[in-house]
Amino acid sequence: MAMGSLFVTSWVGRRLRWRQTVPIITSLMILNALGWAAAWIPRVAPTWVRVNLAASGALTTIQRMIPHDAALIAPQAVIGRFANRVAVYPMMANIHFRLAAGRPNYVLLAPYQGVHLSSVSLMARELGDLADSHRASLIYYDHGVYLWRIRGSAPLVFGPRKTLPAWAFGTQTGAPVVGSTPKHWYVAGLGNNGNIIDQAYWRKPNGTYHVAVTISGWGPAQIQVWDATTGHLVANRYVTLSNGRRVTESYPFVFNTTRPSRPYGGWGWWRTDPVPGSKNNQLEVRVYAQASSMVNVYTVGLVSSP
């Protein structure tokens, strides 16, 4: 657009003999283009280009694994890579998957890659329900990308869950252990300082909530709730684990913020009027441990207090 405008300005100047005016107009247009570039180009990668190289490699592997005539259900964030398939369907933000009859069915989930229509907590619930279903088999997992093969063509219906599987969320110093039966899947700490679980997001209004984490191991740990929208710590509880015994730690907290989520709109003369963001901020549950502790995390939950 900017280059086209420069060419048009140059052409008009030659035809109408505005030779003194053209350099001024051209300079102003160049400054305007540079201003828009400075305001928006740095935001492209962190805001809209969210499939990292490792996950991109995992998606390439999945492309080769799925038979060409199979049906694939995939989220909007990564479905474009599979657009040349015979049968590919977008994953909607609802509680069931409609499967294709007469074809093998596969479900792809990648909660932290791309820009999703569904929330992280909803996709974690879907992962948990797939893990619990006797019709679903996890056939590939790498870098937060999951591929499930589904037996039969009846719809998969998902119900509400008070707690979500820890392995479905992000981790800084842990690793998902998904080699046994689903009820035994968990995230194991790797003996470093940092978050065993993080990026466990729920978008919530102000109110009173309960956070619950099922955990085991040895040594101290912290169960934290952060306002991820503003970067503030909301609640924190210290726990001491012993004997490797699995326990559920739960505590209430009050969330009250006056700083709503506001989408980026540029700056100065190069601002837009973006569609308002959610009125609710995003809460994040983290489980933090030091290198001296050995911590395993099984489930994470955040619910409204009655």
Protein backbone atom coordinates (compact mmCIF):
# COMPACT_ATOMS: atom_id res chain seq x y z
CA MET A 1 0.00 0.00 0.00
CA ALA A 2 2.75 2.46 0.95
CA MET A 3 4.83 1.62 -2.15
CA GLY A 4 1.81 1.94 -4.40
CA SER A 5 1.02 5.36 -2.97
CA LEU A 6 4.59 6.51 -3.67
CA PHE A 7 4.37 5.40 -7.31
CA VAL A 8 1.02 7.16 -7.76
CA THR A 9 2.38 10.35 -6.20
CA SER A 10 5.40 10.27 -8.49
CA TRP A 11 3.22 9.71 -11.56
CA VAL A 12 0.84 12.54 -10.62
CA GLY A 13 3.81 14.87 -10.07
CA ARG A 14 5.19 14.16 -13.53
CA ARG A 15 1.84 14.59 -15.25
CA LEU A 16 0.76 17.75 -13.41
CA ARG A 17 4.24 19.23 -13.02
CA TRP A 18 4.05 19.46 -9.18
CA ARG A 19 7.78 18.92 -9.02
CA GLN A 20 8.30 20.93 -5.82
CA THR A 21 5.39 19.33 -3.99
CA VAL A 22 6.17 15.70 -4.77
CA PRO A 23 9.30 15.39 -2.54
CA ILE A 24 7.39 16.85 0.43
CA ILE A 25 4.42 14.51 -0.03
CA THR A 26 6.74 11.57 -0.60
CA SER A 27 8.71 12.30 2.58
CA LEU A 28 5.53 12.55 4.63
CA MET A 29 4.28 9.25 3.24
CA ILE A 30 7.60 7.56 4.02
CA LEU A 31 7.51 8.87 7.60
CA ASN A 32 3.92 7.66 7.95
CA ALA A 33 4.85 4.17 6.69
CA LEU A 34 7.83 4.03 9.06
CA GLY A 35 5.59 5.06 11.95
CA TRP A 36 3.09 2.27 11.27
CA ALA A 37 5.96 -0.20 10.90
CA ALA A 38 7.54 0.84 14.20
CA ALA A 39 4.20 0.62 16.02
CA TRP A 40 3.07 -2.74 14.67
CA ILE A 41 5.86 -4.92 13.22
CA PRO A 42 7.37 -5.72 16.68
CA ARG A 43 3.94 -7.02 17.73
CA VAL A 44 3.51 -9.45 14.83
CA ALA A 45 5.56 -12.38 16.15
CA PRO A 46 4.42 -12.40 19.82
CA THR A 47 0.77 -11.66 18.96
CA TRP A 48 -0.07 -13.46 15.74
CA VAL A 49 2.83 -15.80 14.84
CA ARG A 50 2.67 -18.25 17.72
CA VAL A 51 3.68 -21.63 16.33
CA ASN A 52 7.30 -22.14 17.39
CA LEU A 53 9.83 -24.11 15.34
CA ALA A 54 9.75 -27.19 17.58
CA ALA A 55 5.95 -27.44 17.38
CA SER A 56 6.10 -26.79 13.64
CA GLY A 57 8.37 -29.82 13.30
CA ALA A 58 5.91 -31.90 15.35
CA LEU A 59 3.04 -30.84 13.06
CA THR A 60 5.11 -31.85 10.03
CA THR A 61 5.60 -35.29 11.56
CA ILE A 62 1.86 -35.58 12.18
CA GLN A 63 1.12 -34.72 8.56
CA ARG A 64 3.07 -37.79 7.49
CA MET A 65 1.48 -40.05 10.13
CA ILE A 66 -2.20 -39.51 9.28
CA PRO A 67 -3.54 -41.53 6.31
CA HIS A 68 -4.59 -39.27 3.45
CA ASP A 69 -8.21 -40.51 3.48
CA ALA A 70 -8.60 -40.11 7.27
CA ALA A 71 -10.72 -37.40 8.88
CA LEU A 72 -8.90 -34.89 11.06
CA ILE A 73 -10.38 -32.55 13.66
CA ALA A 74 -7.95 -29.72 14.43
CA PRO A 75 -8.10 -26.32 16.14
CA GLN A 76 -8.34 -23.12 14.13
CA ALA A 77 -4.81 -22.15 15.22
CA VAL A 78 -3.07 -24.88 13.20
CA ILE A 79 -5.70 -26.20 10.79
CA GLY A 80 -4.29 -24.31 7.82
CA ARG A 81 -1.33 -26.69 7.60
CA PHE A 82 -3.77 -29.54 6.89
CA ALA A 83 -6.02 -27.68 4.41
CA ASN A 84 -5.06 -29.98 1.50
CA ARG A 85 -6.52 -33.05 3.18
CA VAL A 86 -9.65 -34.81 1.90
CA ALA A 87 -11.51 -34.46 5.22
CA VAL A 88 -10.45 -31.85 7.77
CA TYR A 89 -12.81 -30.18 10.24
CA PRO A 90 -12.34 -27.21 12.57
CA MET A 91 -12.58 -27.82 16.29
CA MET A 92 -15.36 -25.69 17.72
CA ALA A 93 -15.59 -24.30 21.26
CA ASN A 94 -18.21 -26.80 22.40
CA ILE A 95 -18.44 -30.00 24.40
CA HIS A 96 -18.45 -32.65 21.70
CA PHE A 97 -16.58 -33.77 18.59
CA ARG A 98 -18.60 -34.96 15.60
CA LEU A 99 -16.70 -37.74 13.84
CA ALA A 100 -16.82 -38.80 10.20
CA ALA A 101 -18.47 -42.12 9.36
CA GLY A 102 -16.60 -44.58 7.17
CA ARG A 103 -13.17 -43.02 7.77
CA PRO A 104 -10.45 -43.29 10.40
CA ASN A 105 -10.78 -40.33 12.77
CA TYR A 106 -7.97 -38.33 14.37
CA VAL A 107 -8.04 -35.40 16.79
CA LEU A 108 -5.19 -32.89 17.01
CA LEU A 109 -4.71 -30.57 19.99
CA ALA A 110 -1.98 -27.97 20.56
CA PRO A 111 -3.13 -25.67 23.40
CA TYR A 112 -0.17 -23.28 23.35
CA GLN A 113 0.46 -23.01 19.60
CA GLY A 114 -1.17 -20.37 17.42
CA VAL A 115 -4.16 -18.15 18.18
CA HIS A 116 -7.10 -20.21 19.44
CA LEU A 117 -10.84 -19.67 19.63
CA SER A 118 -11.01 -21.96 22.66
CA SER A 119 -9.50 -21.23 26.08
CA VAL A 120 -6.52 -23.12 27.47
CA SER A 121 -8.69 -24.57 30.25
CA LEU A 122 -11.24 -25.87 27.72
CA MET A 123 -8.54 -27.58 25.67
CA ALA A 124 -7.04 -29.06 28.84
CA ARG A 125 -10.48 -30.47 29.64
CA GLU A 126 -10.70 -31.97 26.15
CA LEU A 127 -7.28 -33.57 26.59
CA GLY A 128 -8.36 -35.01 29.93
CA ASP A 129 -11.57 -36.43 28.46
CA LEU A 130 -9.71 -37.94 25.52
CA ALA A 131 -7.28 -39.56 27.95
CA ASP A 132 -10.19 -41.01 29.94
CA SER A 133 -12.06 -42.29 26.88
CA HIS A 134 -11.64 -45.96 26.04
CA ARG A 135 -12.15 -45.00 22.37
CA ALA A 136 -9.18 -42.61 22.15
CA SER A 137 -5.50 -43.57 21.90
CA LEU A 138 -2.65 -41.08 22.13
CA ILE A 139 -0.38 -42.01 19.22
CA TYR A 140 1.92 -38.97 19.15
CA TYR A 141 3.08 -36.32 21.60
CA ASP A 142 5.92 -33.81 21.28
CA HIS A 143 6.46 -30.14 22.19
CA GLY A 144 2.89 -29.68 23.39
CA VAL A 145 1.27 -31.17 20.26
CA TYR A 146 -1.04 -34.17 20.77
CA LEU A 147 -2.51 -36.54 18.18
CA TRP A 148 -5.27 -38.99 19.11
CA ARG A 149 -6.75 -41.82 17.08
CA ILE A 150 -10.46 -42.38 17.73
CA ARG A 151 -12.24 -45.72 17.37
CA GLY A 152 -15.78 -45.61 15.99
CA SER A 153 -17.75 -42.68 14.58
CA ALA A 154 -20.21 -41.87 17.38
CA PRO A 155 -19.76 -38.31 18.71
CA LEU A 156 -17.39 -37.81 21.63
CA VAL A 157 -19.27 -35.92 24.35
CA PHE A 158 -17.33 -34.19 27.11
CA GLY A 159 -18.69 -33.34 30.52
CA PRO A 160 -17.68 -30.78 33.15
CA ARG A 161 -14.54 -31.38 35.20
CA LYS A 162 -13.61 -29.74 38.50
CA THR A 163 -9.95 -30.60 38.05
CA LEU A 164 -7.85 -30.78 34.90
CA PRO A 165 -4.82 -32.96 34.10
CA ALA A 166 -1.54 -31.28 34.97
CA TRP A 167 0.24 -32.78 31.95
CA ALA A 168 -2.04 -30.73 29.66
CA PHE A 169 -0.53 -27.45 30.87
CA GLY A 170 2.82 -25.77 30.37
CA THR A 171 5.93 -26.55 32.37
CA GLN A 172 9.19 -24.74 32.97
CA THR A 173 11.20 -27.32 34.90
CA GLY A 174 9.11 -30.47 34.54
CA ALA A 175 8.30 -33.15 31.99
CA PRO A 176 4.96 -34.89 31.24
CA VAL A 177 4.93 -38.60 32.02
CA VAL A 178 2.31 -40.14 29.71
CA GLY A 179 3.61 -43.67 29.23
CA SER A 180 1.17 -45.59 31.44
CA THR A 181 -2.62 -45.60 31.77
CA PRO A 182 -4.22 -42.12 31.71
CA LYS A 183 -5.09 -42.01 35.41
CA HIS A 184 -1.38 -42.31 36.17
CA TRP A 185 -0.24 -39.50 33.84
CA TYR A 186 1.42 -36.58 35.60
CA VAL A 187 4.17 -33.95 35.40
CA ALA A 188 7.46 -34.78 37.11
CA GLY A 189 9.89 -32.14 38.30
CA LEU A 190 13.40 -32.41 36.88
CA GLY A 191 15.24 -31.18 39.95
CA ASN A 192 15.69 -27.52 38.93
CA ASN A 193 14.45 -24.25 40.38
CA GLY A 194 11.28 -23.15 38.61
CA ASN A 195 7.65 -23.89 37.80
CA ILE A 196 6.68 -27.55 37.63
CA ILE A 197 3.34 -26.31 36.26
CA ASP A 198 2.53 -22.93 34.74
CA GLN A 199 0.32 -21.40 32.02
CA ALA A 200 -2.71 -23.09 33.61
CA TYR A 201 -5.12 -20.32 32.59
CA TRP A 202 -8.70 -19.54 33.54
CA ARG A 203 -10.36 -16.27 32.49
CA LYS A 204 -12.41 -15.14 35.49
CA PRO A 205 -14.25 -12.08 36.81
CA ASN A 206 -13.68 -10.67 40.28
CA GLY A 207 -14.82 -13.06 42.98
CA THR A 208 -13.87 -15.73 45.50
CA TYR A 209 -12.32 -18.95 44.21
CA HIS A 210 -10.76 -22.22 45.34
CA VAL A 211 -7.55 -23.52 43.81
CA ALA A 212 -6.83 -27.24 44.20
CA VAL A 213 -3.68 -29.12 43.17
CA THR A 214 -3.03 -32.85 43.55
CA ILE A 215 0.65 -33.29 44.23
CA SER A 216 3.23 -35.68 45.65
CA GLY A 217 6.94 -35.81 46.40
CA TRP A 218 9.47 -34.63 48.97
CA GLY A 219 10.36 -31.14 50.12
CA PRO A 220 8.81 -27.65 49.98
CA ALA A 221 6.73 -26.28 47.11
CA GLN A 222 4.51 -23.29 46.43
CA ILE A 223 1.02 -23.24 44.89
CA GLN A 224 0.57 -19.80 43.34
CA VAL A 225 -2.22 -17.93 41.57
CA TRP A 226 -1.20 -15.05 39.32
CA ASP A 227 -3.17 -12.42 37.45
CA ALA A 228 -1.50 -13.13 34.11
CA THR A 229 -3.11 -10.10 32.51
CA THR A 230 -1.35 -7.64 34.81
CA GLY A 231 1.54 -9.83 36.04
CA HIS A 232 0.61 -9.62 39.74
CA LEU A 233 0.69 -12.40 42.34
CA VAL A 234 -2.84 -12.96 43.71
CA ALA A 235 -2.36 -15.83 46.18
CA ASN A 236 0.44 -18.10 47.37
CA ARG A 237 0.57 -21.12 49.67
CA TYR A 238 3.66 -22.95 50.91
CA VAL A 239 3.35 -26.73 51.28
CA THR A 240 5.82 -29.35 52.50
CA LEU A 241 5.64 -32.79 50.89
CA SER A 242 6.88 -35.98 52.50
CA ASN A 243 7.05 -39.73 51.89
CA GLY A 244 6.04 -39.33 48.25
CA ARG A 245 2.39 -39.49 49.33
CA ARG A 246 -0.16 -38.01 46.93
CA VAL A 247 -2.24 -35.25 48.54
CA THR A 248 -4.66 -32.58 47.33
CA GLU A 249 -3.84 -29.08 48.53
CA SER A 250 -6.74 -26.64 48.34
CA TYR A 251 -7.26 -23.10 49.57
CA PRO A 252 -9.59 -20.15 48.88
CA PHE A 253 -8.57 -16.73 47.63
CA VAL A 254 -10.24 -13.46 46.66
CA PHE A 255 -9.60 -11.98 43.23
CA ASN A 256 -10.34 -8.28 42.86
CA THR A 257 -8.83 -6.14 40.15
CA THR A 258 -9.80 -2.85 38.54
CA ARG A 259 -7.45 -3.24 35.57
CA PRO A 260 -9.28 -4.87 32.65
CA SER A 261 -7.54 -6.58 29.78
CA ARG A 262 -6.93 -4.01 27.01
CA PRO A 263 -5.76 -5.10 23.55
CA TYR A 264 -2.82 -3.34 21.98
CA GLY A 265 -3.84 -0.46 19.70
CA GLY A 266 -0.57 1.15 18.63
CA TRP A 267 0.71 4.53 19.79
CA GLY A 268 0.81 8.19 18.79
CA TRP A 269 -0.54 8.95 15.32
CA TRP A 270 -0.41 5.27 14.50
CA ARG A 271 -3.16 4.03 16.76
CA THR A 272 -6.23 2.00 15.82
CA ASP A 273 -9.42 1.42 17.75
CA PRO A 274 -9.25 -2.35 18.44
CA VAL A 275 -12.20 -4.47 19.42
CA PRO A 276 -12.36 -4.40 23.24
CA GLY A 277 -10.84 -7.40 24.95
CA SER A 278 -12.48 -9.58 27.57
CA LYS A 279 -13.78 -7.80 30.65
CA ASN A 280 -12.22 -10.58 32.73
CA ASN A 281 -8.54 -11.00 33.50
CA GLN A 282 -6.71 -14.28 33.05
CA LEU A 283 -5.77 -16.18 36.20
CA GLU A 284 -2.80 -18.53 36.06
CA VAL A 285 -2.04 -21.38 38.47
CA ARG A 286 1.62 -22.27 39.02
CA VAL A 287 3.37 -24.89 41.13
CA TYR A 288 6.88 -23.75 42.02
CA ALA A 289 9.65 -25.87 43.54
CA GLN A 290 13.35 -25.52 44.22
CA ALA A 291 16.04 -27.87 42.99
CA SER A 292 16.22 -29.51 46.44
CA SER A 293 12.60 -30.74 46.13
CA MET A 294 11.23 -33.64 44.13
CA VAL A 295 7.68 -32.76 43.04
CA ASN A 296 5.06 -34.51 40.90
CA VAL A 297 1.82 -32.76 39.90
CA TYR A 298 -1.28 -34.72 38.84
CA THR A 299 -4.29 -32.38 38.58
CA VAL A 300 -5.02 -28.67 38.78
CA GLY A 301 -8.38 -27.01 39.43
CA LEU A 302 -9.80 -23.53 39.89
CA VAL A 303 -13.50 -23.16 40.72
CA SER A 304 -15.80 -20.48 42.09
CA SER A 305 -16.50 -20.66 45.81
CA PRO A 306 -20.18 -21.13 46.70
